[in-house]
Amino acid sequence: MPAAKPHGDGQPVFGQALSMTWAALHDAAGVVCTLAGMPPEVRKPEVRNFPAIMRDTGGWRYDLAKQGVDDLASIMEPGLTALLAVSARGVSPVPAAQALWQEFVTTRAALLTLIPPLGIKRRA
């Protein structure tokens, strides 16, 4: 699938939407990590580069990655909203934040399995 041309209307083009959502998810996960009372995560290269790898790989792997990232965002958004609401009421969000963090890490690990093994040709 070729890269989309800029729309000129401010809409993300092919590959950029995944990168933006991935970055936003990790920003949200950082807040969840803090609310869980855990130290910040050090991101490995495959985590940082996941959107670019998927964009370069293309095909069914990109499609599954995009869907999975969108699904993860639909879990994280209301989860983080609930954690912030609980915290604002003076109730400890730690147990719920730890559960949401574990869900994030597990789902992200599943997404990272979409990275092709060495030797599989990526799109140019």
PDB file of N, CA and C in Angstrom:
ATOM      1  N   MET A   1       0.849  -1.165   0.000  1.00  0.00           N
ATOM      2  CA  MET A   1       0.000   0.000   0.000  1.00  0.00           C
ATOM      3  C   MET A   1       0.898   1.232   0.000  1.00  0.00           C
ATOM      4  N   PRO A   2       0.764   2.129  -0.954  1.00  0.00           N
ATOM      5  CA  PRO A   2       1.623   3.298  -1.006  1.00  0.00           C
ATOM      6  C   PRO A   2       1.260   4.296   0.071  1.00  0.00           C
ATOM      7  N   ALA A   3       2.230   5.106   0.426  1.00  0.00           N
ATOM      8  CA  ALA A   3       1.984   6.146   1.422  1.00  0.00           C
ATOM      9  C   ALA A   3       1.000   7.151   0.849  1.00  0.00           C
ATOM     10  N   ALA A   4       0.084   7.593   1.700  1.00  0.00           N
ATOM     11  CA  ALA A   4      -0.897   8.582   1.265  1.00  0.00           C
ATOM     12  C   ALA A   4      -0.227   9.938   1.114  1.00  0.00           C
ATOM     13  N   LYS A   5      -0.760  10.723   0.220  1.00  0.00           N
ATOM     14  CA  LYS A   5      -0.241  12.076   0.040  1.00  0.00           C
ATOM     15  C   LYS A   5      -0.898  12.987   1.062  1.00  0.00           C
ATOM     16  N   PRO A   6      -0.217  14.074   1.436  1.00  0.00           N
ATOM     17  CA  PRO A   6      -0.811  14.987   2.409  1.00  0.00           C
ATOM     18  C   PRO A   6      -2.172  15.472   1.937  1.00  0.00           C
ATOM     19  N   HIS A   7      -3.097  15.539   2.877  1.00  0.00           N
ATOM     20  CA  HIS A   7      -4.452  15.962   2.571  1.00  0.00           C
ATOM     21  C   HIS A   7      -4.547  17.475   2.434  1.00  0.00           C
ATOM     22  N   GLY A   8      -3.734  18.187   3.207  1.00  0.00           N
ATOM     23  CA  GLY A   8      -3.843  19.631   3.216  1.00  0.00           C
ATOM     24  C   GLY A   8      -4.969  20.118   4.114  1.00  0.00           C
ATOM     25  N   ASP A   9      -5.717  19.184   4.711  1.00  0.00           N
ATOM     26  CA  ASP A   9      -6.823  19.572   5.583  1.00  0.00           C
ATOM     27  C   ASP A   9      -6.531  19.277   7.049  1.00  0.00           C
ATOM     28  N   GLY A  10      -5.281  19.010   7.356  1.00  0.00           N
ATOM     29  CA  GLY A  10      -4.899  18.758   8.744  1.00  0.00           C
ATOM     30  C   GLY A  10      -5.101  17.326   9.189  1.00  0.00           C
ATOM     31  N   GLN A  11      -5.650  16.476   8.346  1.00  0.00           N
ATOM     32  CA  GLN A  11      -5.874  15.082   8.709  1.00  0.00           C
ATOM     33  C   GLN A  11      -4.563  14.308   8.630  1.00  0.00           C
ATOM     34  N   PRO A  12      -4.334  13.389   9.571  1.00  0.00           N
ATOM     35  CA  PRO A  12      -3.111  12.586   9.504  1.00  0.00           C
ATOM     36  C   PRO A  12      -3.088  11.758   8.225  1.00  0.00           C
ATOM     37  N   VAL A  13      -1.910  11.553   7.708  1.00  0.00           N
ATOM     38  CA  VAL A  13      -1.763  10.725   6.521  1.00  0.00           C
ATOM     39  C   VAL A  13      -1.319   9.341   6.946  1.00  0.00           C
ATOM     40  N   PHE A  14      -1.301   8.417   5.999  1.00  0.00           N
ATOM     41  CA  PHE A  14      -0.946   7.030   6.260  1.00  0.00           C
ATOM     42  C   PHE A  14       0.313   6.943   7.109  1.00  0.00           C
ATOM     43  N   GLY A  15       0.247   6.231   8.210  1.00  0.00           N
ATOM     44  CA  GLY A  15       1.412   6.031   9.069  1.00  0.00           C
ATOM     45  C   GLY A  15       1.496   7.023  10.207  1.00  0.00           C
ATOM     46  N   GLN A  16       1.066   8.266   9.976  1.00  0.00           N
ATOM     47  CA  GLN A  16       1.174   9.272  11.029  1.00  0.00           C
ATOM     48  C   GLN A  16       0.146   9.055  12.132  1.00  0.00           C
ATOM     49  N   ALA A  17      -1.053   8.623  11.765  1.00  0.00           N
ATOM     50  CA  ALA A  17      -2.089   8.410  12.773  1.00  0.00           C
ATOM     51  C   ALA A  17      -1.650   7.348  13.774  1.00  0.00           C
ATOM     52  N   LEU A  18      -1.050   6.277  13.287  1.00  0.00           N
ATOM     53  CA  LEU A  18      -0.567   5.222  14.172  1.00  0.00           C
ATOM     54  C   LEU A  18       0.511   5.764  15.103  1.00  0.00           C
ATOM     55  N   SER A  19       1.431   6.544  14.572  1.00  0.00           N
ATOM     56  CA  SER A  19       2.509   7.113  15.389  1.00  0.00           C
ATOM     57  C   SER A  19       1.959   8.034  16.468  1.00  0.00           C
ATOM     58  N   MET A  20       0.998   8.871  16.092  1.00  0.00           N
ATOM     59  CA  MET A  20       0.430   9.811  17.059  1.00  0.00           C
ATOM     60  C   MET A  20      -0.341   9.079  18.155  1.00  0.00           C
ATOM     61  N   THR A  21      -1.122   8.091  17.771  1.00  0.00           N
ATOM     62  CA  THR A  21      -1.884   7.328  18.763  1.00  0.00           C
ATOM     63  C   THR A  21      -0.948   6.542  19.671  1.00  0.00           C
ATOM     64  N   TRP A  22       0.087   5.932  19.110  1.00  0.00           N
ATOM     65  CA  TRP A  22       1.068   5.167  19.885  1.00  0.00           C
ATOM     66  C   TRP A  22       1.752   6.069  20.913  1.00  0.00           C
ATOM     67  N   ALA A  23       2.146   7.260  20.495  1.00  0.00           N
ATOM     68  CA  ALA A  23       2.791   8.206  21.411  1.00  0.00           C
ATOM     69  C   ALA A  23       1.825   8.634  22.513  1.00  0.00           C
ATOM     70  N   ALA A  24       0.581   8.923  22.146  1.00  0.00           N
ATOM     71  CA  ALA A  24      -0.416   9.326  23.139  1.00  0.00           C
ATOM     72  C   ALA A  24      -0.691   8.200  24.133  1.00  0.00           C
ATOM     73  N   LEU A  25      -0.736   6.968  23.643  1.00  0.00           N
ATOM     74  CA  LEU A  25      -0.935   5.820  24.532  1.00  0.00           C
ATOM     75  C   LEU A  25       0.188   5.715  25.554  1.00  0.00           C
ATOM     76  N   HIS A  26       1.409   5.946  25.119  1.00  0.00           N
ATOM     77  CA  HIS A  26       2.535   5.845  26.045  1.00  0.00           C
ATOM     78  C   HIS A  26       2.585   7.019  27.020  1.00  0.00           C
ATOM     79  N   ASP A  27       2.107   8.180  26.588  1.00  0.00           N
ATOM     80  CA  ASP A  27       1.970   9.299  27.525  1.00  0.00           C
ATOM     81  C   ASP A  27       0.937   8.945  28.599  1.00  0.00           C
ATOM     82  N   ALA A  28      -0.199   8.408  28.170  1.00  0.00           N
ATOM     83  CA  ALA A  28      -1.240   7.999  29.114  1.00  0.00           C
ATOM     84  C   ALA A  28      -0.739   6.887  30.028  1.00  0.00           C
ATOM     85  N   ALA A  29      -0.008   5.940  29.465  1.00  0.00           N
ATOM     86  CA  ALA A  29       0.533   4.838  30.265  1.00  0.00           C
ATOM     87  C   ALA A  29       1.511   5.358  31.314  1.00  0.00           C
ATOM     88  N   GLY A  30       2.241   6.417  30.988  1.00  0.00           N
ATOM     89  CA  GLY A  30       3.141   7.022  31.965  1.00  0.00           C
ATOM     90  C   GLY A  30       2.384   7.570  33.162  1.00  0.00           C
ATOM     91  N   VAL A  31       1.226   8.168  32.910  1.00  0.00           N
ATOM     92  CA  VAL A  31       0.385   8.673  34.001  1.00  0.00           C
ATOM     93  C   VAL A  31      -0.151   7.503  34.817  1.00  0.00           C
ATOM     94  N   VAL A  32      -0.597   6.456  34.141  1.00  0.00           N
ATOM     95  CA  VAL A  32      -1.095   5.260  34.838  1.00  0.00           C
ATOM     96  C   VAL A  32       0.008   4.678  35.713  1.00  0.00           C
ATOM     97  N   CYS A  33       1.203   4.623  35.197  1.00  0.00           N
ATOM     98  CA  CYS A  33       2.357   4.100  35.932  1.00  0.00           C
ATOM     99  C   CYS A  33       2.580   4.914  37.211  1.00  0.00           C
ATOM    100  N   THR A  34       2.513   6.229  37.088  1.00  0.00           N
ATOM    101  CA  THR A  34       2.673   7.113  38.247  1.00  0.00           C
ATOM    102  C   THR A  34       1.558   6.872  39.260  1.00  0.00           C
ATOM    103  N   LEU A  35       0.316   6.785  38.780  1.00  0.00           N
ATOM    104  CA  LEU A  35      -0.813   6.541  39.681  1.00  0.00           C
ATOM    105  C   LEU A  35      -0.716   5.172  40.349  1.00  0.00           C
ATOM    106  N   ALA A  36      -0.055   4.237  39.692  1.00  0.00           N
ATOM    107  CA  ALA A  36       0.135   2.893  40.255  1.00  0.00           C
ATOM    108  C   ALA A  36       1.283   2.862  41.260  1.00  0.00           C
ATOM    109  N   GLY A  37       2.004   3.988  41.380  1.00  0.00           N
ATOM    110  CA  GLY A  37       3.121   4.052  42.322  1.00  0.00           C
ATOM    111  C   GLY A  37       4.356   3.333  41.828  1.00  0.00           C
ATOM    112  N   MET A  38       4.482   3.223  40.513  1.00  0.00           N
ATOM    113  CA  MET A  38       5.610   2.504  39.925  1.00  0.00           C
ATOM    114  C   MET A  38       6.567   3.494  39.267  1.00  0.00           C
ATOM    115  N   PRO A  39       7.837   3.113  39.142  1.00  0.00           N
ATOM    116  CA  PRO A  39       8.793   4.003  38.469  1.00  0.00           C
ATOM    117  C   PRO A  39       8.480   4.091  36.973  1.00  0.00           C
ATOM    118  N   PRO A  40       8.886   5.182  36.339  1.00  0.00           N
ATOM    119  CA  PRO A  40       8.639   5.309  34.897  1.00  0.00           C
ATOM    120  C   PRO A  40       9.330   4.203  34.112  1.00  0.00           C
ATOM    121  N   GLU A  41       8.705   3.832  33.034  1.00  0.00           N
ATOM    122  CA  GLU A  41       9.236   2.767  32.183  1.00  0.00           C
ATOM    123  C   GLU A  41      10.306   3.323  31.245  1.00  0.00           C
ATOM    124  N   VAL A  42      11.336   2.542  31.031  1.00  0.00           N
ATOM    125  CA  VAL A  42      12.332   2.853  30.005  1.00  0.00           C
ATOM    126  C   VAL A  42      11.906   2.088  28.757  1.00  0.00           C
ATOM    127  N   ARG A  43      11.623   2.806  27.686  1.00  0.00           N
ATOM    128  CA  ARG A  43      11.119   2.157  26.475  1.00  0.00           C
ATOM    129  C   ARG A  43      12.240   1.569  25.640  1.00  0.00           C
ATOM    130  N   LYS A  44      12.057   0.325  25.268  1.00  0.00           N
ATOM    131  CA  LYS A  44      13.020  -0.372  24.411  1.00  0.00           C
ATOM    132  C   LYS A  44      12.861   0.123  22.971  1.00  0.00           C
ATOM    133  N   PRO A  45      13.898  -0.057  22.154  1.00  0.00           N
ATOM    134  CA  PRO A  45      13.829   0.415  20.767  1.00  0.00           C
ATOM    135  C   PRO A  45      12.633  -0.127  19.983  1.00  0.00           C
ATOM    136  N   GLU A  46      12.294  -1.397  20.174  1.00  0.00           N
ATOM    137  CA  GLU A  46      11.169  -1.945  19.407  1.00  0.00           C
ATOM    138  C   GLU A  46       9.851  -1.289  19.791  1.00  0.00           C
ATOM    139  N   VAL A  47       9.754  -0.814  21.040  1.00  0.00           N
ATOM    140  CA  VAL A  47       8.556  -0.091  21.463  1.00  0.00           C
ATOM    141  C   VAL A  47       8.548   1.295  20.821  1.00  0.00           C
ATOM    142  N   ARG A  48       9.662   1.991  20.916  1.00  0.00           N
ATOM    143  CA  ARG A  48       9.752   3.338  20.332  1.00  0.00           C
ATOM    144  C   ARG A  48       9.528   3.315  18.826  1.00  0.00           C
ATOM    145  N   ASN A  49      10.057   2.307  18.164  1.00  0.00           N
ATOM    146  CA  ASN A  49      10.034   2.266  16.700  1.00  0.00           C
ATOM    147  C   ASN A  49       8.864   1.491  16.107  1.00  0.00           C
ATOM    148  N   PHE A  50       7.987   0.978  16.945  1.00  0.00           N
ATOM    149  CA  PHE A  50       6.889   0.137  16.472  1.00  0.00           C
ATOM    150  C   PHE A  50       6.075   0.771  15.337  1.00  0.00           C
ATOM    151  N   PRO A  51       5.618   2.022  15.460  1.00  0.00           N
ATOM    152  CA  PRO A  51       4.825   2.581  14.351  1.00  0.00           C
ATOM    153  C   PRO A  51       5.592   2.625  13.030  1.00  0.00           C
ATOM    154  N   ALA A  52       6.856   3.007  13.079  1.00  0.00           N
ATOM    155  CA  ALA A  52       7.655   3.079  11.848  1.00  0.00           C
ATOM    156  C   ALA A  52       7.877   1.689  11.257  1.00  0.00           C
ATOM    157  N   ILE A  53       8.122   0.717  12.123  1.00  0.00           N
ATOM    158  CA  ILE A  53       8.316  -0.654  11.638  1.00  0.00           C
ATOM    159  C   ILE A  53       7.042  -1.156  10.961  1.00  0.00           C
ATOM    160  N   MET A  54       5.901  -0.893  11.584  1.00  0.00           N
ATOM    161  CA  MET A  54       4.635  -1.343  11.002  1.00  0.00           C
ATOM    162  C   MET A  54       4.345  -0.612   9.697  1.00  0.00           C
ATOM    163  N   ARG A  55       4.629   0.678   9.654  1.00  0.00           N
ATOM    164  CA  ARG A  55       4.420   1.448   8.423  1.00  0.00           C
ATOM    165  C   ARG A  55       5.293   0.891   7.301  1.00  0.00           C
ATOM    166  N   ASP A  56       6.557   0.600   7.631  1.00  0.00           N
ATOM    167  CA  ASP A  56       7.475   0.063   6.624  1.00  0.00           C
ATOM    168  C   ASP A  56       7.096  -1.352   6.199  1.00  0.00           C
ATOM    169  N   THR A  57       6.540  -2.119   7.110  1.00  0.00           N
ATOM    170  CA  THR A  57       6.149  -3.496   6.810  1.00  0.00           C
ATOM    171  C   THR A  57       4.881  -3.522   5.969  1.00  0.00           C
ATOM    172  N   GLY A  58       3.895  -2.727   6.365  1.00  0.00           N
ATOM    173  CA  GLY A  58       2.651  -2.634   5.609  1.00  0.00           C
ATOM    174  C   GLY A  58       1.834  -3.915   5.647  1.00  0.00           C
ATOM    175  N   GLY A  59       0.880  -4.007   4.746  1.00  0.00           N
ATOM    176  CA  GLY A  59       0.054  -5.203   4.597  1.00  0.00           C
ATOM    177  C   GLY A  59      -0.769  -5.542   5.824  1.00  0.00           C
ATOM    178  N   TRP A  60      -0.988  -6.836   5.991  1.00  0.00           N
ATOM    179  CA  TRP A  60      -1.849  -7.309   7.076  1.00  0.00           C
ATOM    180  C   TRP A  60      -1.263  -6.987   8.447  1.00  0.00           C
ATOM    181  N   ARG A  61       0.057  -6.955   8.565  1.00  0.00           N
ATOM    182  CA  ARG A  61       0.658  -6.628   9.861  1.00  0.00           C
ATOM    183  C   ARG A  61       0.324  -5.189  10.255  1.00  0.00           C
ATOM    184  N   TYR A  62       0.417  -4.273   9.296  1.00  0.00           N
ATOM    185  CA  TYR A  62       0.063  -2.878   9.582  1.00  0.00           C
ATOM    186  C   TYR A  62      -1.412  -2.778   9.955  1.00  0.00           C
ATOM    187  N   ASP A  63      -2.273  -3.456   9.202  1.00  0.00           N
ATOM    188  CA  ASP A  63      -3.708  -3.404   9.477  1.00  0.00           C
ATOM    189  C   ASP A  63      -4.021  -3.909  10.884  1.00  0.00           C
ATOM    190  N   LEU A  64      -3.411  -5.031  11.266  1.00  0.00           N
ATOM    191  CA  LEU A  64      -3.628  -5.558  12.618  1.00  0.00           C
ATOM    192  C   LEU A  64      -3.053  -4.629  13.680  1.00  0.00           C
ATOM    193  N   ALA A  65      -1.900  -4.043  13.407  1.00  0.00           N
ATOM    194  CA  ALA A  65      -1.294  -3.104  14.356  1.00  0.00           C
ATOM    195  C   ALA A  65      -2.196  -1.901  14.559  1.00  0.00           C
ATOM    196  N   LYS A  66      -2.704  -1.342  13.484  1.00  0.00           N
ATOM    197  CA  LYS A  66      -3.588  -0.171  13.568  1.00  0.00           C
ATOM    198  C   LYS A  66      -4.827  -0.509  14.380  1.00  0.00           C
ATOM    199  N   GLN A  67      -5.448  -1.644  14.090  1.00  0.00           N
ATOM    200  CA  GLN A  67      -6.647  -2.048  14.833  1.00  0.00           C
ATOM    201  C   GLN A  67      -6.325  -2.283  16.302  1.00  0.00           C
ATOM    202  N   GLY A  68      -5.208  -2.952  16.573  1.00  0.00           N
ATOM    203  CA  GLY A  68      -4.816  -3.223  17.954  1.00  0.00           C
ATOM    204  C   GLY A  68      -4.514  -1.962  18.739  1.00  0.00           C
ATOM    205  N   VAL A  69      -3.851  -1.008  18.109  1.00  0.00           N
ATOM    206  CA  VAL A  69      -3.549   0.260  18.777  1.00  0.00           C
ATOM    207  C   VAL A  69      -4.845   1.020  19.049  1.00  0.00           C
ATOM    208  N   ASP A  70      -5.761   1.021  18.090  1.00  0.00           N
ATOM    209  CA  ASP A  70      -7.058   1.663  18.311  1.00  0.00           C
ATOM    210  C   ASP A  70      -7.819   0.985  19.449  1.00  0.00           C
ATOM    211  N   ASP A  71      -7.777  -0.340  19.494  1.00  0.00           N
ATOM    212  CA  ASP A  71      -8.435  -1.075  20.581  1.00  0.00           C
ATOM    213  C   ASP A  71      -7.810  -0.738  21.929  1.00  0.00           C
ATOM    214  N   LEU A  72      -6.491  -0.665  21.973  1.00  0.00           N
ATOM    215  CA  LEU A  72      -5.806  -0.327  23.222  1.00  0.00           C
ATOM    216  C   LEU A  72      -6.170   1.084  23.666  1.00  0.00           C
ATOM    217  N   ALA A  73      -6.284   2.002  22.727  1.00  0.00           N
ATOM    218  CA  ALA A  73      -6.689   3.371  23.065  1.00  0.00           C
ATOM    219  C   ALA A  73      -8.097   3.385  23.651  1.00  0.00           C
ATOM    220  N   SER A  74      -8.976   2.524  23.135  1.00  0.00           N
ATOM    221  CA  SER A  74     -10.346   2.492  23.648  1.00  0.00           C
ATOM    222  C   SER A  74     -10.426   1.879  25.046  1.00  0.00           C
ATOM    223  N   ILE A  75      -9.395   1.183  25.461  1.00  0.00           N
ATOM    224  CA  ILE A  75      -9.303   0.677  26.835  1.00  0.00           C
ATOM    225  C   ILE A  75      -8.682   1.741  27.741  1.00  0.00           C
ATOM    226  N   MET A  76      -7.612   2.347  27.262  1.00  0.00           N
ATOM    227  CA  MET A  76      -6.847   3.275  28.095  1.00  0.00           C
ATOM    228  C   MET A  76      -7.587   4.580  28.379  1.00  0.00           C
ATOM    229  N   GLU A  77      -8.302   5.104  27.398  1.00  0.00           N
ATOM    230  CA  GLU A  77      -8.949   6.407  27.587  1.00  0.00           C
ATOM    231  C   GLU A  77      -9.950   6.406  28.739  1.00  0.00           C
ATOM    232  N   PRO A  78     -10.950   5.519  28.741  1.00  0.00           N
ATOM    233  CA  PRO A  78     -11.876   5.536  29.876  1.00  0.00           C
ATOM    234  C   PRO A  78     -11.215   5.069  31.172  1.00  0.00           C
ATOM    235  N   GLY A  79     -10.241   4.179  31.058  1.00  0.00           N
ATOM    236  CA  GLY A  79      -9.541   3.713  32.254  1.00  0.00           C
ATOM    237  C   GLY A  79      -8.792   4.832  32.944  1.00  0.00           C
ATOM    238  N   LEU A  80      -8.071   5.626  32.168  1.00  0.00           N
ATOM    239  CA  LEU A  80      -7.332   6.749  32.743  1.00  0.00           C
ATOM    240  C   LEU A  80      -8.287   7.800  33.288  1.00  0.00           C
ATOM    241  N   THR A  81      -9.377   8.051  32.584  1.00  0.00           N
ATOM    242  CA  THR A  81     -10.380   9.003  33.067  1.00  0.00           C
ATOM    243  C   THR A  81     -10.920   8.565  34.423  1.00  0.00           C
ATOM    244  N   ALA A  82     -11.222   7.286  34.560  1.00  0.00           N
ATOM    245  CA  ALA A  82     -11.729   6.764  35.834  1.00  0.00           C
ATOM    246  C   ALA A  82     -10.681   6.869  36.935  1.00  0.00           C
ATOM    247  N   LEU A  83      -9.431   6.562  36.613  1.00  0.00           N
ATOM    248  CA  LEU A  83      -8.362   6.662  37.614  1.00  0.00           C
ATOM    249  C   LEU A  83      -8.192   8.091  38.105  1.00  0.00           C
ATOM    250  N   LEU A  84      -8.242   9.042  37.188  1.00  0.00           N
ATOM    251  CA  LEU A  84      -8.100  10.445  37.575  1.00  0.00           C
ATOM    252  C   LEU A  84      -9.284  10.902  38.423  1.00  0.00           C
ATOM    253  N   ALA A  85     -10.483  10.423  38.099  1.00  0.00           N
ATOM    254  CA  ALA A  85     -11.666  10.776  38.886  1.00  0.00           C
ATOM    255  C   ALA A  85     -11.569  10.207  40.298  1.00  0.00           C
ATOM    256  N   VAL A  86     -11.135   8.971  40.412  1.00  0.00           N
ATOM    257  CA  VAL A  86     -10.966   8.334  41.725  1.00  0.00           C
ATOM    258  C   VAL A  86      -9.916   9.085  42.531  1.00  0.00           C
ATOM    259  N   SER A  87      -8.821   9.406  41.899  1.00  0.00           N
ATOM    260  CA  SER A  87      -7.737  10.118  42.573  1.00  0.00           C
ATOM    261  C   SER A  87      -8.193  11.497  43.035  1.00  0.00           C
ATOM    262  N   ALA A  88      -8.991  12.177  42.216  1.00  0.00           N
ATOM    263  CA  ALA A  88      -9.490  13.510  42.568  1.00  0.00           C
ATOM    264  C   ALA A  88     -10.413  13.463  43.780  1.00  0.00           C
ATOM    265  N   ARG A  89     -11.035  12.328  44.022  1.00  0.00           N
ATOM    266  CA  ARG A  89     -11.920  12.175  45.184  1.00  0.00           C
ATOM    267  C   ARG A  89     -11.155  11.778  46.438  1.00  0.00           C
ATOM    268  N   GLY A  90      -9.848  11.640  46.308  1.00  0.00           N
ATOM    269  CA  GLY A  90      -9.032  11.303  47.465  1.00  0.00           C
ATOM    270  C   GLY A  90      -8.935   9.818  47.749  1.00  0.00           C
ATOM    271  N   VAL A  91      -9.405   9.004  46.831  1.00  0.00           N
ATOM    272  CA  VAL A  91      -9.334   7.552  46.985  1.00  0.00           C
ATOM    273  C   VAL A  91      -8.079   7.060  46.263  1.00  0.00           C
ATOM    274  N   SER A  92      -7.421   6.083  46.839  1.00  0.00           N
ATOM    275  CA  SER A  92      -6.200   5.563  46.226  1.00  0.00           C
ATOM    276  C   SER A  92      -6.515   4.842  44.913  1.00  0.00           C
ATOM    277  N   PRO A  93      -5.879   5.276  43.827  1.00  0.00           N
ATOM    278  CA  PRO A  93      -6.094   4.611  42.547  1.00  0.00           C
ATOM    279  C   PRO A  93      -5.110   3.459  42.300  1.00  0.00           C
ATOM    280  N   VAL A  94      -4.261   3.165  43.284  1.00  0.00           N
ATOM    281  CA  VAL A  94      -3.158   2.224  43.062  1.00  0.00           C
ATOM    282  C   VAL A  94      -3.619   0.856  42.544  1.00  0.00           C
ATOM    283  N   PRO A  95      -4.558   0.167  43.198  1.00  0.00           N
ATOM    284  CA  PRO A  95      -4.919  -1.175  42.687  1.00  0.00           C
ATOM    285  C   PRO A  95      -5.482  -1.138  41.262  1.00  0.00           C
ATOM    286  N   ALA A  96      -6.362  -0.183  41.003  1.00  0.00           N
ATOM    287  CA  ALA A  96      -6.942  -0.082  39.662  1.00  0.00           C
ATOM    288  C   ALA A  96      -5.889   0.338  38.642  1.00  0.00           C
ATOM    289  N   ALA A  97      -4.992   1.234  39.034  1.00  0.00           N
ATOM    290  CA  ALA A  97      -3.923   1.674  38.130  1.00  0.00           C
ATOM    291  C   ALA A  97      -2.981   0.520  37.812  1.00  0.00           C
ATOM    292  N   GLN A  98      -2.692  -0.304  38.798  1.00  0.00           N
ATOM    293  CA  GLN A  98      -1.834  -1.467  38.545  1.00  0.00           C
ATOM    294  C   GLN A  98      -2.505  -2.435  37.571  1.00  0.00           C
ATOM    295  N   ALA A  99      -3.813  -2.614  37.717  1.00  0.00           N
ATOM    296  CA  ALA A  99      -4.546  -3.502  36.805  1.00  0.00           C
ATOM    297  C   ALA A  99      -4.550  -2.940  35.381  1.00  0.00           C
ATOM    298  N   LEU A 100      -4.776  -1.626  35.251  1.00  0.00           N
ATOM    299  CA  LEU A 100      -4.772  -1.013  33.926  1.00  0.00           C
ATOM    300  C   LEU A 100      -3.372  -1.062  33.318  1.00  0.00           C
ATOM    301  N   TRP A 101      -2.355  -0.839  34.136  1.00  0.00           N
ATOM    302  CA  TRP A 101      -0.976  -0.928  33.653  1.00  0.00           C
ATOM    303  C   TRP A 101      -0.687  -2.333  33.115  1.00  0.00           C
ATOM    304  N   GLN A 102      -1.110  -3.351  33.858  1.00  0.00           N
ATOM    305  CA  GLN A 102      -0.871  -4.733  33.423  1.00  0.00           C
ATOM    306  C   GLN A 102      -1.596  -5.019  32.113  1.00  0.00           C
ATOM    307  N   GLU A 103      -2.805  -4.515  31.974  1.00  0.00           N
ATOM    308  CA  GLU A 103      -3.556  -4.684  30.723  1.00  0.00           C
ATOM    309  C   GLU A 103      -2.825  -4.004  29.563  1.00  0.00           C
ATOM    310  N   PHE A 104      -2.310  -2.809  29.809  1.00  0.00           N
ATOM    311  CA  PHE A 104      -1.557  -2.083  28.786  1.00  0.00           C
ATOM    312  C   PHE A 104      -0.324  -2.873  28.355  1.00  0.00           C
ATOM    313  N   VAL A 105       0.464  -3.326  29.328  1.00  0.00           N
ATOM    314  CA  VAL A 105       1.708  -4.044  29.037  1.00  0.00           C
ATOM    315  C   VAL A 105       1.424  -5.347  28.282  1.00  0.00           C
ATOM    316  N   THR A 106       0.400  -6.068  28.697  1.00  0.00           N
ATOM    317  CA  THR A 106       0.051  -7.332  28.051  1.00  0.00           C
ATOM    318  C   THR A 106      -0.399  -7.113  26.605  1.00  0.00           C
ATOM    319  N   THR A 107      -1.252  -6.123  26.412  1.00  0.00           N
ATOM    320  CA  THR A 107      -1.747  -5.834  25.065  1.00  0.00           C
ATOM    321  C   THR A 107      -0.622  -5.327  24.171  1.00  0.00           C
ATOM    322  N   ARG A 108       0.228  -4.462  24.720  1.00  0.00           N
ATOM    323  CA  ARG A 108       1.359  -3.952  23.937  1.00  0.00           C
ATOM    324  C   ARG A 108       2.296  -5.092  23.540  1.00  0.00           C
ATOM    325  N   ALA A 109       2.541  -6.021  24.449  1.00  0.00           N
ATOM    326  CA  ALA A 109       3.401  -7.168  24.129  1.00  0.00           C
ATOM    327  C   ALA A 109       2.816  -7.975  22.973  1.00  0.00           C
ATOM    328  N   ALA A 110       1.504  -8.134  22.966  1.00  0.00           N
ATOM    329  CA  ALA A 110       0.861  -8.851  21.861  1.00  0.00           C
ATOM    330  C   ALA A 110       1.039  -8.088  20.549  1.00  0.00           C
ATOM    331  N   LEU A 111       0.915  -6.773  20.594  1.00  0.00           N
ATOM    332  CA  LEU A 111       1.110  -5.967  19.385  1.00  0.00           C
ATOM    333  C   LEU A 111       2.542  -6.072  18.867  1.00  0.00           C
ATOM    334  N   LEU A 112       3.494  -6.106  19.779  1.00  0.00           N
ATOM    335  CA  LEU A 112       4.899  -6.175  19.372  1.00  0.00           C
ATOM    336  C   LEU A 112       5.232  -7.483  18.651  1.00  0.00           C
ATOM    337  N   THR A 113       4.400  -8.508  18.834  1.00  0.00           N
ATOM    338  CA  THR A 113       4.640  -9.763  18.108  1.00  0.00           C
ATOM    339  C   THR A 113       4.368  -9.607  16.613  1.00  0.00           C
ATOM    340  N   LEU A 114       3.752  -8.496  16.221  1.00  0.00           N
ATOM    341  CA  LEU A 114       3.521  -8.232  14.800  1.00  0.00           C
ATOM    342  C   LEU A 114       4.794  -7.794  14.076  1.00  0.00           C
ATOM    343  N   ILE A 115       5.821  -7.412  14.829  1.00  0.00           N
ATOM    344  CA  ILE A 115       7.085  -7.028  14.203  1.00  0.00           C
ATOM    345  C   ILE A 115       7.632  -8.255  13.485  1.00  0.00           C
ATOM    346  N   PRO A 116       7.914  -8.118  12.190  1.00  0.00           N
ATOM    347  CA  PRO A 116       8.365  -9.296  11.440  1.00  0.00           C
ATOM    348  C   PRO A 116       9.737  -9.767  11.897  1.00  0.00           C
ATOM    349  N   PRO A 117       9.945 -11.080  11.853  1.00  0.00           N
ATOM    350  CA  PRO A 117      11.275 -11.595  12.184  1.00  0.00           C
ATOM    351  C   PRO A 117      12.285 -11.120  11.147  1.00  0.00           C
ATOM    352  N   LEU A 118      13.540 -11.164  11.522  1.00  0.00           N
ATOM    353  CA  LEU A 118      14.591 -10.784  10.579  1.00  0.00           C
ATOM    354  C   LEU A 118      14.488 -11.641   9.331  1.00  0.00           C
ATOM    355  N   GLY A 119      14.694 -11.036   8.205  1.00  0.00           N
ATOM    356  CA  GLY A 119      14.647 -11.777   6.956  1.00  0.00           C
ATOM    357  C   GLY A 119      13.362 -11.572   6.179  1.00  0.00           C
ATOM    358  N   ILE A 120      12.286 -11.118   6.853  1.00  0.00           N
ATOM    359  CA  ILE A 120      11.057 -10.818   6.120  1.00  0.00           C
ATOM    360  C   ILE A 120      11.209  -9.422   5.546  1.00  0.00           C
ATOM    361  N   LYS A 121      10.994  -9.322   4.270  1.00  0.00           N
ATOM    362  CA  LYS A 121      11.209  -8.055   3.583  1.00  0.00           C
ATOM    363  C   LYS A 121      10.111  -7.058   3.930  1.00  0.00           C
ATOM    364  N   ARG A 122      10.548  -5.856   4.256  1.00  0.00           N
ATOM    365  CA  ARG A 122       9.609  -4.766   4.493  1.00  0.00           C
ATOM    366  C   ARG A 122       9.361  -4.041   3.184  1.00  0.00           C
ATOM    367  N   ARG A 123       8.247  -3.323   3.156  1.00  0.00           N
ATOM    368  CA  ARG A 123       7.958  -2.494   1.986  1.00  0.00           C
ATOM    369  C   ARG A 123       9.016  -1.414   1.881  1.00  0.00           C
ATOM    370  N   ALA A 124       9.342  -1.014   0.688  1.00  0.00           N
ATOM    371  CA  ALA A 124      10.328   0.062   0.480  1.00  0.00           C
ATOM    372  C   ALA A 124       9.633   1.397   0.451  1.00  0.00           C
TER     373      ALA A 124
END
